[in-house]
């Protein structure tokens, strides 16, 4: 419960964060283009980038994806569950692909027949 409250507080602080930078990098541009392709809108590109990087930070700390998603939705009441989940997925793919967990479906089976 305490972790969830801390997560919500940190995500809420994103709205008050200073812009990360004036000119997006190629990675940031990829992220913003991916959001646009998914139909996810935002008011401030720098805040969207900061939030995405915070998502990666929470994932690196071991926060479960549902808690990260709940924090995003609490800070962005208009964000649907579907778009929130897409935001978390896009953030992870672009900024922290090492945090993505394989479910084993894509790789070869570890069991022998």
PDB file of N, CA and C in Angstrom:
ATOM      1  N   UNK A   1       0.827  -1.192   0.000  1.00  0.00           N
ATOM      2  CA  UNK A   1       0.000   0.000   0.000  1.00  0.00           C
ATOM      3  C   UNK A   1       0.869   1.252   0.000  1.00  0.00           C
ATOM      4  N   UNK A   2       1.942   1.256   0.822  1.00  0.00           N
ATOM      5  CA  UNK A   2       2.818   2.426   0.884  1.00  0.00           C
ATOM      6  C   UNK A   2       3.484   2.655  -0.465  1.00  0.00           C
ATOM      7  N   UNK A   3       3.881   1.573  -1.139  1.00  0.00           N
ATOM      8  CA  UNK A   3       4.525   1.708  -2.443  1.00  0.00           C
ATOM      9  C   UNK A   3       3.558   2.323  -3.452  1.00  0.00           C
ATOM     10  N   UNK A   4       2.316   1.925  -3.356  1.00  0.00           N
ATOM     11  CA  UNK A   4       1.317   2.455  -4.281  1.00  0.00           C
ATOM     12  C   UNK A   4       1.090   3.946  -4.036  1.00  0.00           C
ATOM     13  N   UNK A   5       1.028   4.355  -2.782  1.00  0.00           N
ATOM     14  CA  UNK A   5       0.863   5.771  -2.455  1.00  0.00           C
ATOM     15  C   UNK A   5       2.067   6.558  -2.938  1.00  0.00           C
ATOM     16  N   UNK A   6       3.262   6.017  -2.746  1.00  0.00           N
ATOM     17  CA  UNK A   6       4.477   6.691  -3.211  1.00  0.00           C
ATOM     18  C   UNK A   6       4.471   6.802  -4.734  1.00  0.00           C
ATOM     19  N   UNK A   7       4.036   5.747  -5.403  1.00  0.00           N
ATOM     20  CA  UNK A   7       3.961   5.756  -6.851  1.00  0.00           C
ATOM     21  C   UNK A   7       2.996   6.819  -7.339  1.00  0.00           C
ATOM     22  N   UNK A   8       1.824   6.884  -6.734  1.00  0.00           N
ATOM     23  CA  UNK A   8       0.844   7.883  -7.133  1.00  0.00           C
ATOM     24  C   UNK A   8       1.371   9.291  -6.907  1.00  0.00           C
ATOM     25  N   UNK A   9       2.046   9.506  -5.800  1.00  0.00           N
ATOM     26  CA  UNK A   9       2.615  10.817  -5.514  1.00  0.00           C
ATOM     27  C   UNK A   9       3.672  11.197  -6.526  1.00  0.00           C
ATOM     28  N   UNK A  10       4.511  10.251  -6.888  1.00  0.00           N
ATOM     29  CA  UNK A  10       5.571  10.541  -7.851  1.00  0.00           C
ATOM     30  C   UNK A  10       4.993  10.817  -9.232  1.00  0.00           C
ATOM     31  N   UNK A  11       3.991  10.057  -9.631  1.00  0.00           N
ATOM     32  CA  UNK A  11       3.372  10.295 -10.932  1.00  0.00           C
ATOM     33  C   UNK A  11       2.648  11.639 -10.928  1.00  0.00           C
ATOM     34  N   UNK A  12       2.027  11.992  -9.824  1.00  0.00           N
ATOM     35  CA  UNK A  12       1.360  13.287  -9.735  1.00  0.00           C
ATOM     36  C   UNK A  12       2.355  14.430  -9.854  1.00  0.00           C
ATOM     37  N   UNK A  13       3.563  14.223  -9.374  1.00  0.00           N
ATOM     38  CA  UNK A  13       4.585  15.269  -9.447  1.00  0.00           C
ATOM     39  C   UNK A  13       5.030  15.538 -10.878  1.00  0.00           C
ATOM     40  N   UNK A  14       4.762  14.623 -11.784  1.00  0.00           N
ATOM     41  CA  UNK A  14       5.150  14.812 -13.174  1.00  0.00           C
ATOM     42  C   UNK A  14       4.519  16.072 -13.747  1.00  0.00           C
ATOM     43  N   UNK A  15       3.321  16.374 -13.359  1.00  0.00           N
ATOM     44  CA  UNK A  15       2.644  17.560 -13.870  1.00  0.00           C
ATOM     45  C   UNK A  15       3.344  18.849 -13.498  1.00  0.00           C
ATOM     46  N   UNK A  16       4.170  18.815 -12.465  1.00  0.00           N
ATOM     47  CA  UNK A  16       4.883  20.002 -12.022  1.00  0.00           C
ATOM     48  C   UNK A  16       6.345  19.981 -12.417  1.00  0.00           C
ATOM     49  N   UNK A  17       6.779  18.939 -13.084  1.00  0.00           N
ATOM     50  CA  UNK A  17       8.188  18.810 -13.446  1.00  0.00           C
ATOM     51  C   UNK A  17       8.557  19.803 -14.541  1.00  0.00           C
ATOM     52  N   UNK A  18       9.784  20.269 -14.488  1.00  0.00           N
ATOM     53  CA  UNK A  18      10.299  21.158 -15.526  1.00  0.00           C
ATOM     54  C   UNK A  18      10.516  20.340 -16.795  1.00  0.00           C
ATOM     55  N   UNK A  19      10.471  20.972 -17.941  1.00  0.00           N
ATOM     56  CA  UNK A  19      10.711  20.242 -19.185  1.00  0.00           C
ATOM     57  C   UNK A  19      12.072  19.557 -19.161  1.00  0.00           C
ATOM     58  N   UNK A  20      12.125  18.373 -19.724  1.00  0.00           N
ATOM     59  CA  UNK A  20      13.362  17.604 -19.731  1.00  0.00           C
ATOM     60  C   UNK A  20      14.407  18.253 -20.623  1.00  0.00           C
ATOM     61  N   UNK A  21      14.009  18.759 -21.741  1.00  0.00           N
ATOM     62  CA  UNK A  21      14.916  19.401 -22.675  1.00  0.00           C
ATOM     63  C   UNK A  21      14.111  20.110 -23.736  1.00  0.00           C
ATOM     64  N   UNK A  22      14.730  20.983 -24.462  1.00  0.00           N
ATOM     65  CA  UNK A  22      14.012  21.772 -25.455  1.00  0.00           C
ATOM     66  C   UNK A  22      13.828  21.018 -26.769  1.00  0.00           C
ATOM     67  N   UNK A  23      14.794  20.189 -27.129  1.00  0.00           N
ATOM     68  CA  UNK A  23      14.733  19.493 -28.408  1.00  0.00           C
ATOM     69  C   UNK A  23      14.763  17.992 -28.189  1.00  0.00           C
ATOM     70  N   UNK A  24      13.715  17.300 -28.626  1.00  0.00           N
ATOM     71  CA  UNK A  24      13.678  15.849 -28.419  1.00  0.00           C
ATOM     72  C   UNK A  24      14.801  15.143 -29.176  1.00  0.00           C
ATOM     73  N   UNK A  25      15.365  14.103 -28.563  1.00  0.00           N
ATOM     74  CA  UNK A  25      16.357  13.267 -29.228  1.00  0.00           C
ATOM     75  C   UNK A  25      15.630  12.346 -30.211  1.00  0.00           C
ATOM     76  N   UNK A  26      16.403  11.563 -30.949  1.00  0.00           N
ATOM     77  CA  UNK A  26      15.789  10.603 -31.867  1.00  0.00           C
ATOM     78  C   UNK A  26      14.925   9.600 -31.109  1.00  0.00           C
ATOM     79  N   UNK A  27      15.379   9.184 -29.934  1.00  0.00           N
ATOM     80  CA  UNK A  27      14.604   8.242 -29.124  1.00  0.00           C
ATOM     81  C   UNK A  27      13.303   8.903 -28.674  1.00  0.00           C
ATOM     82  N   UNK A  28      13.394  10.155 -28.238  1.00  0.00           N
ATOM     83  CA  UNK A  28      12.190  10.873 -27.818  1.00  0.00           C
ATOM     84  C   UNK A  28      11.228  11.038 -28.983  1.00  0.00           C
ATOM     85  N   UNK A  29      11.762  11.338 -30.146  1.00  0.00           N
ATOM     86  CA  UNK A  29      10.923  11.502 -31.343  1.00  0.00           C
ATOM     87  C   UNK A  29      10.219  10.189 -31.677  1.00  0.00           C
ATOM     88  N   UNK A  30      10.944   9.084 -31.545  1.00  0.00           N
ATOM     89  CA  UNK A  30      10.351   7.762 -31.770  1.00  0.00           C
ATOM     90  C   UNK A  30       9.219   7.515 -30.784  1.00  0.00           C
ATOM     91  N   UNK A  31       9.464   7.859 -29.514  1.00  0.00           N
ATOM     92  CA  UNK A  31       8.443   7.679 -28.489  1.00  0.00           C
ATOM     93  C   UNK A  31       7.192   8.493 -28.819  1.00  0.00           C
ATOM     94  N   UNK A  32       7.378   9.769 -29.116  1.00  0.00           N
ATOM     95  CA  UNK A  32       6.230  10.641 -29.401  1.00  0.00           C
ATOM     96  C   UNK A  32       5.478  10.175 -30.647  1.00  0.00           C
ATOM     97  N   UNK A  33       6.203   9.726 -31.659  1.00  0.00           N
ATOM     98  CA  UNK A  33       5.560   9.209 -32.874  1.00  0.00           C
ATOM     99  C   UNK A  33       4.768   7.940 -32.565  1.00  0.00           C
ATOM    100  N   UNK A  34       5.302   7.104 -31.672  1.00  0.00           N
ATOM    101  CA  UNK A  34       4.598   5.883 -31.289  1.00  0.00           C
ATOM    102  C   UNK A  34       3.311   6.199 -30.535  1.00  0.00           C
ATOM    103  N   UNK A  35       3.375   7.218 -29.672  1.00  0.00           N
ATOM    104  CA  UNK A  35       2.148   7.640 -28.981  1.00  0.00           C
ATOM    105  C   UNK A  35       1.110   8.110 -29.993  1.00  0.00           C
ATOM    106  N   UNK A  36       1.549   8.928 -30.925  1.00  0.00           N
ATOM    107  CA  UNK A  36       0.631   9.451 -31.934  1.00  0.00           C
ATOM    108  C   UNK A  36       0.022   8.313 -32.757  1.00  0.00           C
ATOM    109  N   UNK A  37       0.839   7.345 -33.160  1.00  0.00           N
ATOM    110  CA  UNK A  37       0.350   6.207 -33.939  1.00  0.00           C
ATOM    111  C   UNK A  37      -0.675   5.393 -33.155  1.00  0.00           C
ATOM    112  N   UNK A  38      -0.520   5.364 -31.823  1.00  0.00           N
ATOM    113  CA  UNK A  38      -1.460   4.625 -30.974  1.00  0.00           C
ATOM    114  C   UNK A  38      -2.710   5.441 -30.653  1.00  0.00           C
ATOM    115  N   UNK A  39      -2.726   6.701 -31.082  1.00  0.00           N
ATOM    116  CA  UNK A  39      -3.882   7.555 -30.805  1.00  0.00           C
ATOM    117  C   UNK A  39      -3.871   8.153 -29.408  1.00  0.00           C
ATOM    118  N   UNK A  40      -2.709   8.174 -28.770  1.00  0.00           N
ATOM    119  CA  UNK A  40      -2.582   8.734 -27.422  1.00  0.00           C
ATOM    120  C   UNK A  40      -2.148  10.194 -27.558  1.00  0.00           C
ATOM    121  N   UNK A  41      -2.965  11.079 -27.022  1.00  0.00           N
ATOM    122  CA  UNK A  41      -2.658  12.503 -27.097  1.00  0.00           C
ATOM    123  C   UNK A  41      -2.080  12.992 -25.774  1.00  0.00           C
ATOM    124  N   UNK A  42      -1.387  14.116 -25.834  1.00  0.00           N
ATOM    125  CA  UNK A  42      -0.776  14.714 -24.654  1.00  0.00           C
ATOM    126  C   UNK A  42      -0.731  16.218 -24.853  1.00  0.00           C
ATOM    127  N   UNK A  43      -0.686  16.950 -23.749  1.00  0.00           N
ATOM    128  CA  UNK A  43      -0.637  18.404 -23.820  1.00  0.00           C
ATOM    129  C   UNK A  43       0.777  18.936 -23.926  1.00  0.00           C
ATOM    130  N   UNK A  44       1.741  18.206 -23.380  1.00  0.00           N
ATOM    131  CA  UNK A  44       3.110  18.686 -23.324  1.00  0.00           C
ATOM    132  C   UNK A  44       4.044  17.518 -23.627  1.00  0.00           C
ATOM    133  N   UNK A  45       4.780  17.610 -24.731  1.00  0.00           N
ATOM    134  CA  UNK A  45       5.670  16.524 -25.140  1.00  0.00           C
ATOM    135  C   UNK A  45       6.733  16.247 -24.090  1.00  0.00           C
ATOM    136  N   UNK A  46       7.309  17.299 -23.510  1.00  0.00           N
ATOM    137  CA  UNK A  46       8.351  17.101 -22.504  1.00  0.00           C
ATOM    138  C   UNK A  46       7.814  16.344 -21.293  1.00  0.00           C
ATOM    139  N   UNK A  47       6.593  16.649 -20.870  1.00  0.00           N
ATOM    140  CA  UNK A  47       6.009  15.936 -19.730  1.00  0.00           C
ATOM    141  C   UNK A  47       5.724  14.480 -20.088  1.00  0.00           C
ATOM    142  N   UNK A  48       5.299  14.221 -21.319  1.00  0.00           N
ATOM    143  CA  UNK A  48       5.063  12.841 -21.746  1.00  0.00           C
ATOM    144  C   UNK A  48       6.366  12.049 -21.710  1.00  0.00           C
ATOM    145  N   UNK A  49       7.458  12.671 -22.142  1.00  0.00           N
ATOM    146  CA  UNK A  49       8.772  12.018 -22.145  1.00  0.00           C
ATOM    147  C   UNK A  49       9.236  11.753 -20.715  1.00  0.00           C
ATOM    148  N   UNK A  50       9.102  12.747 -19.847  1.00  0.00           N
ATOM    149  CA  UNK A  50       9.485  12.581 -18.440  1.00  0.00           C
ATOM    150  C   UNK A  50       8.668  11.463 -17.804  1.00  0.00           C
ATOM    151  N   UNK A  51       7.378  11.431 -18.084  1.00  0.00           N
ATOM    152  CA  UNK A  51       6.512  10.392 -17.525  1.00  0.00           C
ATOM    153  C   UNK A  51       6.940   9.015 -18.016  1.00  0.00           C
ATOM    154  N   UNK A  52       7.271   8.910 -19.287  1.00  0.00           N
ATOM    155  CA  UNK A  52       7.714   7.626 -19.833  1.00  0.00           C
ATOM    156  C   UNK A  52       8.984   7.149 -19.144  1.00  0.00           C
ATOM    157  N   UNK A  53       9.898   8.058 -18.912  1.00  0.00           N
ATOM    158  CA  UNK A  53      11.148   7.690 -18.239  1.00  0.00           C
ATOM    159  C   UNK A  53      10.890   7.323 -16.779  1.00  0.00           C
ATOM    160  N   UNK A  54       9.907   7.967 -16.167  1.00  0.00           N
ATOM    161  CA  UNK A  54       9.526   7.601 -14.796  1.00  0.00           C
ATOM    162  C   UNK A  54       8.927   6.198 -14.774  1.00  0.00           C
ATOM    163  N   UNK A  55       8.140   5.868 -15.792  1.00  0.00           N
ATOM    164  CA  UNK A  55       7.584   4.517 -15.903  1.00  0.00           C
ATOM    165  C   UNK A  55       8.726   3.505 -15.865  1.00  0.00           C
ATOM    166  N   UNK A  56       9.787   3.773 -16.610  1.00  0.00           N
ATOM    167  CA  UNK A  56      10.937   2.865 -16.624  1.00  0.00           C
ATOM    168  C   UNK A  56      11.591   2.792 -15.249  1.00  0.00           C
ATOM    169  N   UNK A  57      11.656   3.917 -14.578  1.00  0.00           N
ATOM    170  CA  UNK A  57      12.219   3.929 -13.234  1.00  0.00           C
ATOM    171  C   UNK A  57      11.411   3.061 -12.280  1.00  0.00           C
ATOM    172  N   UNK A  58      10.092   3.165 -12.370  1.00  0.00           N
ATOM    173  CA  UNK A  58       9.229   2.350 -11.510  1.00  0.00           C
ATOM    174  C   UNK A  58       9.385   0.872 -11.834  1.00  0.00           C
ATOM    175  N   UNK A  59       9.496   0.570 -13.121  1.00  0.00           N
ATOM    176  CA  UNK A  59       9.680  -0.822 -13.521  1.00  0.00           C
ATOM    177  C   UNK A  59      11.016  -1.350 -12.999  1.00  0.00           C
ATOM    178  N   UNK A  60      12.061  -0.530 -13.069  1.00  0.00           N
ATOM    179  CA  UNK A  60      13.379  -0.933 -12.574  1.00  0.00           C
ATOM    180  C   UNK A  60      13.355  -1.168 -11.062  1.00  0.00           C
ATOM    181  N   UNK A  61      12.481  -0.443 -10.364  1.00  0.00           N
ATOM    182  CA  UNK A  61      12.326  -0.617  -8.915  1.00  0.00           C
ATOM    183  C   UNK A  61      11.481  -1.840  -8.569  1.00  0.00           C
ATOM    184  N   UNK A  62      10.903  -2.472  -9.583  1.00  0.00           N
ATOM    185  CA  UNK A  62      10.092  -3.656  -9.350  1.00  0.00           C
ATOM    186  C   UNK A  62       8.609  -3.385  -9.167  1.00  0.00           C
ATOM    187  N   UNK A  63       8.171  -2.158  -9.456  1.00  0.00           N
ATOM    188  CA  UNK A  63       6.745  -1.849  -9.343  1.00  0.00           C
ATOM    189  C   UNK A  63       5.986  -2.668 -10.396  1.00  0.00           C
ATOM    190  N   UNK A  64       4.901  -3.294 -10.025  1.00  0.00           N
ATOM    191  CA  UNK A  64       4.119  -4.049 -11.002  1.00  0.00           C
ATOM    192  C   UNK A  64       3.423  -3.107 -11.986  1.00  0.00           C
ATOM    193  N   UNK A  65       3.290  -3.562 -13.199  1.00  0.00           N
ATOM    194  CA  UNK A  65       2.663  -2.750 -14.245  1.00  0.00           C
ATOM    195  C   UNK A  65       1.280  -2.226 -13.856  1.00  0.00           C
ATOM    196  N   UNK A  66       0.427  -3.020 -13.185  1.00  0.00           N
ATOM    197  CA  UNK A  66      -0.882  -2.472 -12.798  1.00  0.00           C
ATOM    198  C   UNK A  66      -0.763  -1.258 -11.874  1.00  0.00           C
ATOM    199  N   UNK A  67       0.221  -1.244 -10.991  1.00  0.00           N
ATOM    200  CA  UNK A  67       0.409  -0.100 -10.095  1.00  0.00           C
ATOM    201  C   UNK A  67       0.871   1.117 -10.882  1.00  0.00           C
ATOM    202  N   UNK A  68       1.747   0.903 -11.848  1.00  0.00           N
ATOM    203  CA  UNK A  68       2.213   2.001 -12.700  1.00  0.00           C
ATOM    204  C   UNK A  68       1.038   2.543 -13.506  1.00  0.00           C
ATOM    205  N   UNK A  69       0.234   1.660 -14.053  1.00  0.00           N
ATOM    206  CA  UNK A  69      -0.936   2.060 -14.825  1.00  0.00           C
ATOM    207  C   UNK A  69      -1.934   2.828 -13.963  1.00  0.00           C
ATOM    208  N   UNK A  70      -2.175   2.358 -12.760  1.00  0.00           N
ATOM    209  CA  UNK A  70      -3.094   3.062 -11.857  1.00  0.00           C
ATOM    210  C   UNK A  70      -2.593   4.472 -11.559  1.00  0.00           C
ATOM    211  N   UNK A  71      -1.294   4.620 -11.374  1.00  0.00           N
ATOM    212  CA  UNK A  71      -0.713   5.938 -11.125  1.00  0.00           C
ATOM    213  C   UNK A  71      -0.892   6.871 -12.308  1.00  0.00           C
ATOM    214  N   UNK A  72      -0.689   6.357 -13.504  1.00  0.00           N
ATOM    215  CA  UNK A  72      -0.887   7.174 -14.707  1.00  0.00           C
ATOM    216  C   UNK A  72      -2.332   7.627 -14.831  1.00  0.00           C
ATOM    217  N   UNK A  73      -3.246   6.699 -14.591  1.00  0.00           N
ATOM    218  CA  UNK A  73      -4.665   7.030 -14.714  1.00  0.00           C
ATOM    219  C   UNK A  73      -5.107   8.008 -13.636  1.00  0.00           C
ATOM    220  N   UNK A  74      -4.542   7.901 -12.449  1.00  0.00           N
ATOM    221  CA  UNK A  74      -4.900   8.830 -11.373  1.00  0.00           C
ATOM    222  C   UNK A  74      -4.453  10.246 -11.719  1.00  0.00           C
ATOM    223  N   UNK A  75      -3.311  10.379 -12.341  1.00  0.00           N
ATOM    224  CA  UNK A  75      -2.768  11.693 -12.713  1.00  0.00           C
ATOM    225  C   UNK A  75      -3.429  12.244 -13.975  1.00  0.00           C
ATOM    226  N   UNK A  76      -3.925  11.342 -14.811  1.00  0.00           N
ATOM    227  CA  UNK A  76      -4.532  11.716 -16.093  1.00  0.00           C
ATOM    228  C   UNK A  76      -5.923  11.108 -16.178  1.00  0.00           C
ATOM    229  N   UNK A  77      -6.917  11.750 -15.556  1.00  0.00           N
ATOM    230  CA  UNK A  77      -8.255  11.158 -15.482  1.00  0.00           C
ATOM    231  C   UNK A  77      -8.869  10.812 -16.841  1.00  0.00           C
ATOM    232  N   UNK A  78      -8.486  11.485 -17.891  1.00  0.00           N
ATOM    233  CA  UNK A  78      -9.037  11.193 -19.208  1.00  0.00           C
ATOM    234  C   UNK A  78      -8.367  10.022 -19.901  1.00  0.00           C
ATOM    235  N   UNK A  79      -7.327   9.485 -19.300  1.00  0.00           N
ATOM    236  CA  UNK A  79      -6.582   8.380 -19.893  1.00  0.00           C
ATOM    237  C   UNK A  79      -7.354   7.083 -19.685  1.00  0.00           C
ATOM    238  N   UNK A  80      -7.662   6.421 -20.766  1.00  0.00           N
ATOM    239  CA  UNK A  80      -8.370   5.140 -20.662  1.00  0.00           C
ATOM    240  C   UNK A  80      -7.392   4.052 -20.233  1.00  0.00           C
ATOM    241  N   UNK A  81      -7.931   2.966 -19.755  1.00  0.00           N
ATOM    242  CA  UNK A  81      -7.084   1.837 -19.371  1.00  0.00           C
ATOM    243  C   UNK A  81      -6.303   1.341 -20.578  1.00  0.00           C
ATOM    244  N   UNK A  82      -6.952   1.264 -21.722  1.00  0.00           N
ATOM    245  CA  UNK A  82      -6.276   0.788 -22.933  1.00  0.00           C
ATOM    246  C   UNK A  82      -5.122   1.710 -23.321  1.00  0.00           C
ATOM    247  N   UNK A  83      -5.369   3.018 -23.336  1.00  0.00           N
ATOM    248  CA  UNK A  83      -4.300   3.957 -23.696  1.00  0.00           C
ATOM    249  C   UNK A  83      -3.216   3.991 -22.623  1.00  0.00           C
ATOM    250  N   UNK A  84      -3.596   3.857 -21.376  1.00  0.00           N
ATOM    251  CA  UNK A  84      -2.607   3.813 -20.303  1.00  0.00           C
ATOM    252  C   UNK A  84      -1.694   2.608 -20.444  1.00  0.00           C
ATOM    253  N   UNK A  85      -2.286   1.461 -20.730  1.00  0.00           N
ATOM    254  CA  UNK A  85      -1.493   0.249 -20.926  1.00  0.00           C
ATOM    255  C   UNK A  85      -0.578   0.397 -22.139  1.00  0.00           C
ATOM    256  N   UNK A  86      -1.106   1.020 -23.200  1.00  0.00           N
ATOM    257  CA  UNK A  86      -0.278   1.254 -24.381  1.00  0.00           C
ATOM    258  C   UNK A  86       0.870   2.211 -24.054  1.00  0.00           C
ATOM    259  N   UNK A  87       0.593   3.257 -23.278  1.00  0.00           N
ATOM    260  CA  UNK A  87       1.628   4.211 -22.885  1.00  0.00           C
ATOM    261  C   UNK A  87       2.744   3.491 -22.138  1.00  0.00           C
ATOM    262  N   UNK A  88       2.376   2.657 -21.171  1.00  0.00           N
ATOM    263  CA  UNK A  88       3.375   1.918 -20.398  1.00  0.00           C
ATOM    264  C   UNK A  88       4.185   1.009 -21.323  1.00  0.00           C
ATOM    265  N   UNK A  89       3.508   0.324 -22.228  1.00  0.00           N
ATOM    266  CA  UNK A  89       4.199  -0.567 -23.161  1.00  0.00           C
ATOM    267  C   UNK A  89       5.126   0.171 -24.104  1.00  0.00           C
ATOM    268  N   UNK A  90       4.660   1.288 -24.643  1.00  0.00           N
ATOM    269  CA  UNK A  90       5.486   2.087 -25.551  1.00  0.00           C
ATOM    270  C   UNK A  90       6.689   2.647 -24.800  1.00  0.00           C
ATOM    271  N   UNK A  91       6.462   3.155 -23.598  1.00  0.00           N
ATOM    272  CA  UNK A  91       7.563   3.688 -22.793  1.00  0.00           C
ATOM    273  C   UNK A  91       8.620   2.611 -22.570  1.00  0.00           C
ATOM    274  N   UNK A  92       8.182   1.419 -22.209  1.00  0.00           N
ATOM    275  CA  UNK A  92       9.124   0.330 -21.958  1.00  0.00           C
ATOM    276  C   UNK A  92       9.870  -0.071 -23.223  1.00  0.00           C
ATOM    277  N   UNK A  93       9.164  -0.182 -24.342  1.00  0.00           N
ATOM    278  CA  UNK A  93       9.807  -0.568 -25.595  1.00  0.00           C
ATOM    279  C   UNK A  93      10.850   0.444 -26.036  1.00  0.00           C
ATOM    280  N   UNK A  94      10.564   1.724 -25.851  1.00  0.00           N
ATOM    281  CA  UNK A  94      11.453   2.761 -26.346  1.00  0.00           C
ATOM    282  C   UNK A  94      12.580   3.079 -25.366  1.00  0.00           C
ATOM    283  N   UNK A  95      12.244   3.248 -24.095  1.00  0.00           N
ATOM    284  CA  UNK A  95      13.224   3.741 -23.123  1.00  0.00           C
ATOM    285  C   UNK A  95      13.880   2.663 -22.257  1.00  0.00           C
ATOM    286  N   UNK A  96      13.223   1.538 -22.072  1.00  0.00           N
ATOM    287  CA  UNK A  96      13.809   0.518 -21.186  1.00  0.00           C
ATOM    288  C   UNK A  96      13.411  -0.892 -21.630  1.00  0.00           C
ATOM    289  N   UNK A  97      13.785  -1.273 -22.843  1.00  0.00           N
ATOM    290  CA  UNK A  97      13.398  -2.605 -23.318  1.00  0.00           C
ATOM    291  C   UNK A  97      13.941  -3.726 -22.441  1.00  0.00           C
ATOM    292  N   UNK A  98      15.002  -3.440 -21.678  1.00  0.00           N
ATOM    293  CA  UNK A  98      15.547  -4.446 -20.773  1.00  0.00           C
ATOM    294  C   UNK A  98      14.604  -4.755 -19.621  1.00  0.00           C
ATOM    295  N   UNK A  99      13.606  -3.888 -19.395  1.00  0.00           N
ATOM    296  CA  UNK A  99      12.642  -4.109 -18.317  1.00  0.00           C
ATOM    297  C   UNK A  99      11.455  -4.972 -18.751  1.00  0.00           C
ATOM    298  N   UNK A 100      11.345  -5.240 -20.038  1.00  0.00           N
ATOM    299  CA  UNK A 100      10.250  -6.070 -20.527  1.00  0.00           C
ATOM    300  C   UNK A 100      10.514  -7.517 -20.134  1.00  0.00           C
ATOM    301  N   UNK A 101       9.473  -8.173 -19.667  1.00  0.00           N
ATOM    302  CA  UNK A 101       9.592  -9.550 -19.207  1.00  0.00           C
ATOM    303  C   UNK A 101       9.037 -10.471 -20.278  1.00  0.00           C
ATOM    304  N   UNK A 102       9.834 -11.420 -20.652  1.00  0.00           N
ATOM    305  CA  UNK A 102       9.383 -12.410 -21.620  1.00  0.00           C
ATOM    306  C   UNK A 102       8.522 -13.444 -20.919  1.00  0.00           C
ATOM    307  N   UNK A 103       7.422 -13.802 -21.561  1.00  0.00           N
ATOM    308  CA  UNK A 103       6.567 -14.834 -20.970  1.00  0.00           C
ATOM    309  C   UNK A 103       6.967 -16.219 -21.454  1.00  0.00           C
ATOM    310  N   UNK A 104       8.011 -16.290 -22.263  1.00  0.00           N
ATOM    311  CA  UNK A 104       8.495 -17.576 -22.741  1.00  0.00           C
ATOM    312  C   UNK A 104       7.803 -18.054 -23.998  1.00  0.00           C
ATOM    313  N   UNK A 105       6.774 -17.340 -24.425  1.00  0.00           N
ATOM    314  CA  UNK A 105       6.018 -17.785 -25.598  1.00  0.00           C
ATOM    315  C   UNK A 105       6.819 -17.630 -26.883  1.00  0.00           C
ATOM    316  N   UNK A 106       7.686 -16.641 -26.961  1.00  0.00           N
ATOM    317  CA  UNK A 106       8.417 -16.376 -28.193  1.00  0.00           C
ATOM    318  C   UNK A 106       9.647 -17.257 -28.339  1.00  0.00           C
ATOM    319  N   UNK A 107      10.200 -17.696 -27.244  1.00  0.00           N
ATOM    320  CA  UNK A 107      11.438 -18.455 -27.285  1.00  0.00           C
ATOM    321  C   UNK A 107      11.184 -19.942 -27.410  1.00  0.00           C
ATOM    322  N   UNK A 108      12.278 -20.688 -27.605  1.00  0.00           N
ATOM    323  CA  UNK A 108      12.118 -22.140 -27.688  1.00  0.00           C
ATOM    324  C   UNK A 108      11.718 -22.714 -26.346  1.00  0.00           C
ATOM    325  N   UNK A 109      11.054 -23.811 -26.399  1.00  0.00           N
ATOM    326  CA  UNK A 109      10.587 -24.473 -25.186  1.00  0.00           C
ATOM    327  C   UNK A 109      11.758 -25.035 -24.403  1.00  0.00           C
ATOM    328  N   UNK A 110      11.689 -24.912 -23.089  1.00  0.00           N
ATOM    329  CA  UNK A 110      12.764 -25.460 -22.240  1.00  0.00           C
ATOM    330  C   UNK A 110      12.501 -26.906 -21.870  1.00  0.00           C
ATOM    331  N   UNK A 111      11.354 -27.421 -22.296  1.00  0.00           N
ATOM    332  CA  UNK A 111      11.031 -28.809 -21.982  1.00  0.00           C
ATOM    333  C   UNK A 111      11.369 -29.675 -23.190  1.00  0.00           C
ATOM    334  N   UNK A 112      11.890 -30.842 -22.945  1.00  0.00           N
ATOM    335  CA  UNK A 112      12.145 -31.769 -24.051  1.00  0.00           C
ATOM    336  C   UNK A 112      10.996 -32.751 -24.121  1.00  0.00           C
ATOM    337  N   UNK A 113      10.803 -33.230 -25.319  1.00  0.00           N
ATOM    338  CA  UNK A 113       9.682 -34.159 -25.515  1.00  0.00           C
ATOM    339  C   UNK A 113      10.104 -35.561 -25.342  1.00  0.00           C
TER     340      UNK A 113
END
